Every structure is written in structure tokens, then in C-alpha cells.
């Protein structure tokens, strides 16, 4: 067995373990805010390890470049998607995403 095969298998195994651990975390947590924390490793670290395993196995060429480009977009878009998801959850629960003093959502402004 070639060393690059072993190293590639180790990276893929780590990716699988991270995704499984994230799935367990999502199942165990109580609310959507806590669950969202466990989605991030599966969405970012898992694909990064798969892309590294692909690079180790096949070397640097067009397919690995495309994989790292897709990974780059996932890393850039991840925080925005998480923020939008949290805001949508808050709007659904409270009716508004903003807080007033005392932790209350703002009341509708009265027309003058």
C-alpha cells in the first residue's frame, strides 16, 4: 500500500468522524440555536478534509483546483448563511429579529 493511499484514507476517515459527531450533536441539542453550532464542522471541516484527501490522492490538477474553489466559496458563504438562518429562526419565534430594552421585540410604531 502506498503512503499517499494511507494518508488519504486517514483524512477521509477523519472527515467521516467529524460528520458523524456533528450529526450526533444536532440530534442531542435542544434548540435550533445550539444545533446550528454543530452544523459548521460538518459544513466546513469535513469538506476541507475531503478536498485535502483528494489532493493527496491525485495531486494538484484541474479537479483539485475546482474542489478547493468550491471549498473557498463554502468558507466565505458559511458565516452569512449561519447568520441568515439564525435571523430567520428569531423572526419566526419572536416576530422580529431586533431587541428592545429588557429583551423585548420592538412594538409596531404608531402612525402619527
N, C-alpha and C. Protein backbone atom coordinates (compact mmCIF):
# COMPACT_ATOMS: atom_id res chain seq x y z
N UNK A 1 0.85 -1.18 0.00
CA UNK A 1 0.00 0.00 0.00
C UNK A 1 0.90 1.24 0.00
N UNK A 2 0.52 2.21 -0.80
CA UNK A 2 1.30 3.43 -0.94
C UNK A 2 0.96 4.37 0.21
N UNK A 3 1.96 5.16 0.63
CA UNK A 3 1.78 6.09 1.74
C UNK A 3 0.67 7.10 1.44
N UNK A 4 0.58 7.57 0.20
CA UNK A 4 -0.47 8.55 -0.10
C UNK A 4 -1.86 7.94 0.04
N UNK A 5 -2.00 6.64 -0.22
CA UNK A 5 -3.29 5.98 -0.02
C UNK A 5 -3.66 5.95 1.46
N UNK A 6 -2.68 5.64 2.29
CA UNK A 6 -2.92 5.59 3.74
C UNK A 6 -3.29 6.97 4.27
N UNK A 7 -2.52 7.98 3.87
CA UNK A 7 -2.78 9.34 4.34
C UNK A 7 -4.14 9.83 3.84
N UNK A 8 -4.48 9.52 2.61
CA UNK A 8 -5.78 9.89 2.06
C UNK A 8 -6.92 9.21 2.81
N UNK A 9 -6.74 7.92 3.13
CA UNK A 9 -7.77 7.20 3.90
C UNK A 9 -7.93 7.77 5.31
N UNK A 10 -6.82 8.19 5.91
CA UNK A 10 -6.90 8.80 7.24
C UNK A 10 -7.68 10.10 7.19
N UNK A 11 -7.42 10.93 6.18
CA UNK A 11 -8.15 12.20 6.03
C UNK A 11 -9.64 11.95 5.80
N UNK A 12 -9.95 10.98 4.96
CA UNK A 12 -11.37 10.66 4.72
C UNK A 12 -12.04 10.10 5.97
N UNK A 13 -11.32 9.28 6.73
CA UNK A 13 -11.86 8.76 7.98
C UNK A 13 -12.13 9.87 8.99
N UNK A 14 -11.22 10.85 9.07
CA UNK A 14 -11.45 11.99 9.95
C UNK A 14 -12.67 12.80 9.51
N UNK A 15 -12.82 12.96 8.20
CA UNK A 15 -13.99 13.68 7.69
C UNK A 15 -15.28 12.97 8.08
N UNK A 16 -15.29 11.66 7.96
CA UNK A 16 -16.48 10.87 8.33
C UNK A 16 -16.76 11.00 9.83
N UNK A 17 -15.72 10.93 10.65
CA UNK A 17 -15.91 11.06 12.11
C UNK A 17 -16.46 12.43 12.48
N UNK A 18 -15.98 13.48 11.81
CA UNK A 18 -16.46 14.82 12.10
C UNK A 18 -17.93 14.96 11.71
N UNK A 19 -18.30 14.42 10.58
CA UNK A 19 -19.70 14.50 10.15
C UNK A 19 -20.60 13.69 11.09
N UNK A 20 -20.16 12.53 11.51
CA UNK A 20 -20.95 11.72 12.45
C UNK A 20 -21.09 12.44 13.79
N UNK A 21 -19.98 13.01 14.29
CA UNK A 21 -20.03 13.74 15.56
C UNK A 21 -20.96 14.96 15.45
N UNK A 22 -20.92 15.64 14.32
CA UNK A 22 -21.81 16.78 14.12
C UNK A 22 -23.27 16.34 14.08
N UNK A 23 -23.54 15.24 13.43
CA UNK A 23 -24.91 14.72 13.37
C UNK A 23 -25.42 14.36 14.76
N UNK A 24 -24.57 13.74 15.57
CA UNK A 24 -24.95 13.41 16.95
C UNK A 24 -25.21 14.69 17.74
N UNK A 25 -24.36 15.69 17.55
CA UNK A 25 -24.56 16.97 18.22
C UNK A 25 -25.87 17.62 17.85
N UNK A 26 -26.23 17.57 16.59
CA UNK A 26 -27.50 18.14 16.14
C UNK A 26 -28.67 17.38 16.77
N UNK A 27 -28.56 16.06 16.87
CA UNK A 27 -29.63 15.27 17.48
C UNK A 27 -29.79 15.53 18.97
N UNK A 28 -28.68 15.80 19.66
CA UNK A 28 -28.70 15.92 21.12
C UNK A 28 -29.12 17.32 21.58
N UNK A 29 -28.77 18.34 20.84
CA UNK A 29 -29.05 19.71 21.29
C UNK A 29 -30.55 20.00 21.30
N UNK A 30 -30.94 20.94 22.16
CA UNK A 30 -32.36 21.20 22.41
C UNK A 30 -32.99 22.16 21.41
N UNK A 31 -32.34 23.27 21.12
CA UNK A 31 -32.98 24.25 20.24
C UNK A 31 -32.14 24.51 19.00
N UNK A 32 -32.73 25.23 18.07
CA UNK A 32 -32.09 25.45 16.77
C UNK A 32 -30.81 26.25 16.89
N UNK A 33 -30.73 27.16 17.85
CA UNK A 33 -29.53 27.96 18.02
C UNK A 33 -28.34 27.07 18.39
N UNK A 34 -28.55 26.14 19.29
CA UNK A 34 -27.49 25.22 19.68
C UNK A 34 -27.16 24.24 18.56
N UNK A 35 -28.17 23.80 17.85
CA UNK A 35 -27.94 22.85 16.76
C UNK A 35 -27.10 23.45 15.65
N UNK A 36 -27.28 24.74 15.41
CA UNK A 36 -26.55 25.39 14.32
C UNK A 36 -25.04 25.38 14.56
N UNK A 37 -24.62 25.36 15.82
CA UNK A 37 -23.19 25.29 16.13
C UNK A 37 -22.58 23.97 15.64
N UNK A 38 -23.36 22.93 15.65
CA UNK A 38 -22.83 21.62 15.26
C UNK A 38 -22.89 21.38 13.74
N UNK A 39 -23.55 22.25 13.03
CA UNK A 39 -23.59 22.13 11.56
C UNK A 39 -22.29 22.61 10.95
N UNK A 40 -21.65 23.59 11.56
CA UNK A 40 -20.45 24.20 10.99
C UNK A 40 -19.31 23.22 10.75
N UNK A 41 -18.94 22.36 11.70
CA UNK A 41 -17.85 21.42 11.40
C UNK A 41 -18.17 20.50 10.22
N UNK A 42 -19.41 20.06 10.14
CA UNK A 42 -19.78 19.18 9.03
C UNK A 42 -19.79 19.93 7.70
N UNK A 43 -20.07 21.23 7.76
CA UNK A 43 -20.15 22.01 6.53
C UNK A 43 -18.80 22.58 6.09
N UNK A 44 -17.86 22.72 7.00
CA UNK A 44 -16.58 23.32 6.63
C UNK A 44 -15.39 22.39 6.79
N UNK A 45 -15.24 21.78 7.94
CA UNK A 45 -14.06 20.96 8.20
C UNK A 45 -14.13 19.65 7.42
N UNK A 46 -15.30 19.04 7.38
CA UNK A 46 -15.46 17.79 6.62
C UNK A 46 -15.09 17.96 5.15
N UNK A 47 -15.67 18.93 4.44
CA UNK A 47 -15.29 19.12 3.04
C UNK A 47 -13.83 19.51 2.85
N UNK A 48 -13.26 20.25 3.81
CA UNK A 48 -11.84 20.60 3.70
C UNK A 48 -10.97 19.35 3.77
N UNK A 49 -11.32 18.43 4.66
CA UNK A 49 -10.56 17.19 4.76
C UNK A 49 -10.73 16.32 3.50
N UNK A 50 -11.92 16.32 2.93
CA UNK A 50 -12.15 15.56 1.69
C UNK A 50 -11.34 16.17 0.55
N UNK A 51 -11.30 17.50 0.47
CA UNK A 51 -10.51 18.16 -0.57
C UNK A 51 -9.02 17.87 -0.40
N UNK A 52 -8.54 17.88 0.85
CA UNK A 52 -7.14 17.53 1.11
C UNK A 52 -6.85 16.09 0.73
N UNK A 53 -7.77 15.19 1.04
CA UNK A 53 -7.58 13.78 0.67
C UNK A 53 -7.54 13.62 -0.85
N UNK A 54 -8.37 14.38 -1.53
CA UNK A 54 -8.37 14.35 -2.99
C UNK A 54 -7.04 14.85 -3.55
N UNK A 55 -6.52 15.92 -2.94
CA UNK A 55 -5.24 16.45 -3.40
C UNK A 55 -4.10 15.48 -3.12
N UNK A 56 -4.13 14.84 -1.96
CA UNK A 56 -3.09 13.86 -1.63
C UNK A 56 -3.15 12.68 -2.59
N UNK A 57 -4.34 12.22 -2.89
CA UNK A 57 -4.50 11.03 -3.74
C UNK A 57 -4.15 11.30 -5.19
N UNK A 58 -4.59 12.45 -5.73
CA UNK A 58 -4.46 12.69 -7.17
C UNK A 58 -3.45 13.77 -7.52
N UNK A 59 -2.94 14.50 -6.55
CA UNK A 59 -2.02 15.57 -6.85
C UNK A 59 -2.76 16.85 -7.21
N UNK A 60 -1.98 17.84 -7.64
CA UNK A 60 -2.57 19.14 -7.97
C UNK A 60 -2.85 19.18 -9.47
N UNK A 61 -4.11 19.26 -9.82
CA UNK A 61 -4.51 19.44 -11.22
C UNK A 61 -5.91 20.04 -11.22
N UNK A 62 -6.57 20.07 -12.36
CA UNK A 62 -7.82 20.81 -12.52
C UNK A 62 -8.90 20.40 -11.52
N UNK A 63 -9.08 19.10 -11.29
CA UNK A 63 -10.15 18.65 -10.40
C UNK A 63 -9.90 19.11 -8.96
N UNK A 64 -8.67 19.06 -8.49
CA UNK A 64 -8.40 19.51 -7.13
C UNK A 64 -8.54 21.03 -7.04
N UNK A 65 -8.20 21.73 -8.11
CA UNK A 65 -8.39 23.18 -8.12
C UNK A 65 -9.86 23.55 -8.01
N UNK A 66 -10.71 22.83 -8.73
CA UNK A 66 -12.15 23.07 -8.64
C UNK A 66 -12.69 22.74 -7.25
N UNK A 67 -12.15 21.69 -6.65
CA UNK A 67 -12.58 21.32 -5.30
C UNK A 67 -12.22 22.41 -4.30
N UNK A 68 -11.02 22.95 -4.40
CA UNK A 68 -10.61 24.00 -3.48
C UNK A 68 -11.35 25.31 -3.76
N UNK A 69 -11.73 25.56 -5.00
CA UNK A 69 -12.53 26.74 -5.31
C UNK A 69 -13.92 26.61 -4.68
N UNK A 70 -14.53 25.44 -4.78
CA UNK A 70 -15.82 25.21 -4.15
C UNK A 70 -15.70 25.32 -2.62
N UNK A 71 -14.62 24.80 -2.07
CA UNK A 71 -14.38 24.90 -0.63
C UNK A 71 -14.22 26.36 -0.21
N UNK A 72 -13.53 27.15 -1.02
CA UNK A 72 -13.36 28.57 -0.72
C UNK A 72 -14.72 29.26 -0.64
N UNK A 73 -15.60 28.99 -1.60
CA UNK A 73 -16.93 29.60 -1.57
C UNK A 73 -17.74 29.13 -0.38
N UNK A 74 -17.57 27.89 0.03
CA UNK A 74 -18.27 27.39 1.22
C UNK A 74 -17.77 28.11 2.47
N UNK A 75 -16.47 28.34 2.55
CA UNK A 75 -15.90 29.02 3.72
C UNK A 75 -16.35 30.47 3.77
N UNK A 76 -16.40 31.13 2.61
CA UNK A 76 -16.83 32.53 2.57
C UNK A 76 -18.32 32.66 2.86
N UNK A 77 -19.13 31.77 2.31
CA UNK A 77 -20.58 31.89 2.45
C UNK A 77 -21.10 31.34 3.78
N UNK A 78 -20.35 30.47 4.43
CA UNK A 78 -20.82 29.83 5.66
C UNK A 78 -21.30 30.77 6.75
N UNK A 79 -20.51 31.77 7.13
CA UNK A 79 -20.98 32.68 8.19
C UNK A 79 -22.23 33.46 7.80
N UNK A 80 -22.35 33.85 6.54
CA UNK A 80 -23.53 34.58 6.09
C UNK A 80 -24.78 33.68 6.14
N UNK A 81 -24.62 32.44 5.75
CA UNK A 81 -25.74 31.51 5.79
C UNK A 81 -26.16 31.22 7.23
N UNK A 82 -25.19 31.07 8.12
CA UNK A 82 -25.50 30.84 9.54
C UNK A 82 -26.23 32.04 10.13
N UNK A 83 -25.75 33.24 9.81
CA UNK A 83 -26.39 34.44 10.33
C UNK A 83 -27.82 34.58 9.81
N UNK A 84 -28.01 34.32 8.52
CA UNK A 84 -29.35 34.41 7.95
C UNK A 84 -30.28 33.35 8.55
N UNK A 85 -29.74 32.18 8.83
CA UNK A 85 -30.55 31.13 9.44
C UNK A 85 -30.96 31.51 10.85
N UNK A 86 -30.04 32.05 11.63
CA UNK A 86 -30.37 32.48 13.00
C UNK A 86 -31.38 33.60 12.97
N UNK A 87 -31.22 34.53 12.05
CA UNK A 87 -32.18 35.64 11.96
C UNK A 87 -33.58 35.12 11.58
N UNK A 88 -33.64 34.17 10.66
CA UNK A 88 -34.93 33.61 10.26
C UNK A 88 -35.59 32.86 11.42
N UNK A 89 -34.80 32.15 12.21
CA UNK A 89 -35.34 31.46 13.38
C UNK A 89 -35.89 32.47 14.38
N UNK A 90 -35.15 33.54 14.60
CA UNK A 90 -35.59 34.57 15.54
C UNK A 90 -36.88 35.24 15.07
N UNK A 91 -36.97 35.56 13.77
CA UNK A 91 -38.18 36.18 13.24
C UNK A 91 -39.37 35.24 13.40
N UNK A 92 -39.14 33.97 13.17
CA UNK A 92 -40.25 33.00 13.30
C UNK A 92 -40.71 32.87 14.75
N UNK A 93 -39.75 32.91 15.68
CA UNK A 93 -40.11 32.75 17.09
C UNK A 93 -40.68 34.03 17.71
N UNK A 94 -40.06 35.17 17.43
CA UNK A 94 -40.39 36.41 18.12
C UNK A 94 -41.15 37.42 17.26
N UNK A 95 -41.18 37.21 15.95
CA UNK A 95 -41.84 38.17 15.08
C UNK A 95 -40.93 39.26 14.56
N UNK A 96 -39.79 39.47 15.22
CA UNK A 96 -38.83 40.48 14.79
C UNK A 96 -37.45 40.06 15.28
N UNK A 97 -36.42 40.40 14.56
CA UNK A 97 -35.08 39.99 14.94
C UNK A 97 -34.40 40.98 15.86
N UNK A 98 -34.93 42.20 15.97
CA UNK A 98 -34.32 43.23 16.81
C UNK A 98 -34.81 43.11 18.25
N UNK A 99 -33.98 43.57 19.16
CA UNK A 99 -34.35 43.58 20.58
C UNK A 99 -34.49 45.01 21.07
N UNK A 100 -35.45 45.22 21.95
CA UNK A 100 -35.54 46.49 22.65
C UNK A 100 -34.96 46.29 24.03
N UNK A 101 -35.00 47.33 24.82
CA UNK A 101 -34.53 47.22 26.20
C UNK A 101 -35.39 46.21 26.93
N UNK A 102 -34.75 45.43 27.76
CA UNK A 102 -35.46 44.42 28.53
C UNK A 102 -35.66 43.13 27.76
N UNK A 103 -35.03 43.00 26.58
CA UNK A 103 -35.11 41.76 25.83
C UNK A 103 -36.40 41.56 25.07
N UNK A 104 -37.21 42.61 24.91
CA UNK A 104 -38.49 42.51 24.21
C UNK A 104 -38.31 42.91 22.75
N UNK A 105 -39.05 42.28 21.88
CA UNK A 105 -39.07 42.70 20.48
C UNK A 105 -39.79 44.03 20.40
N UNK A 106 -39.37 44.91 19.49
CA UNK A 106 -39.98 46.24 19.43
C UNK A 106 -41.45 46.17 19.00
N UNK A 107 -42.25 47.03 19.59
CA UNK A 107 -43.66 47.12 19.21
C UNK A 107 -43.76 47.88 17.90
N UNK A 108 -44.85 47.67 17.20
CA UNK A 108 -45.06 48.38 15.95
C UNK A 108 -45.12 49.88 16.23
N UNK A 109 -44.50 50.67 15.36
CA UNK A 109 -44.52 52.11 15.54
C UNK A 109 -45.92 52.62 15.25
N UNK A 110 -46.36 53.55 16.09
CA UNK A 110 -47.69 54.13 15.91
C UNK A 110 -47.63 55.19 14.83
N UNK A 111 -48.64 55.20 13.98
CA UNK A 111 -48.71 56.21 12.94
C UNK A 111 -49.17 57.52 13.56
N UNK A 112 -48.56 58.61 13.09
CA UNK A 112 -48.90 59.93 13.66
C UNK A 112 -49.79 60.69 12.74
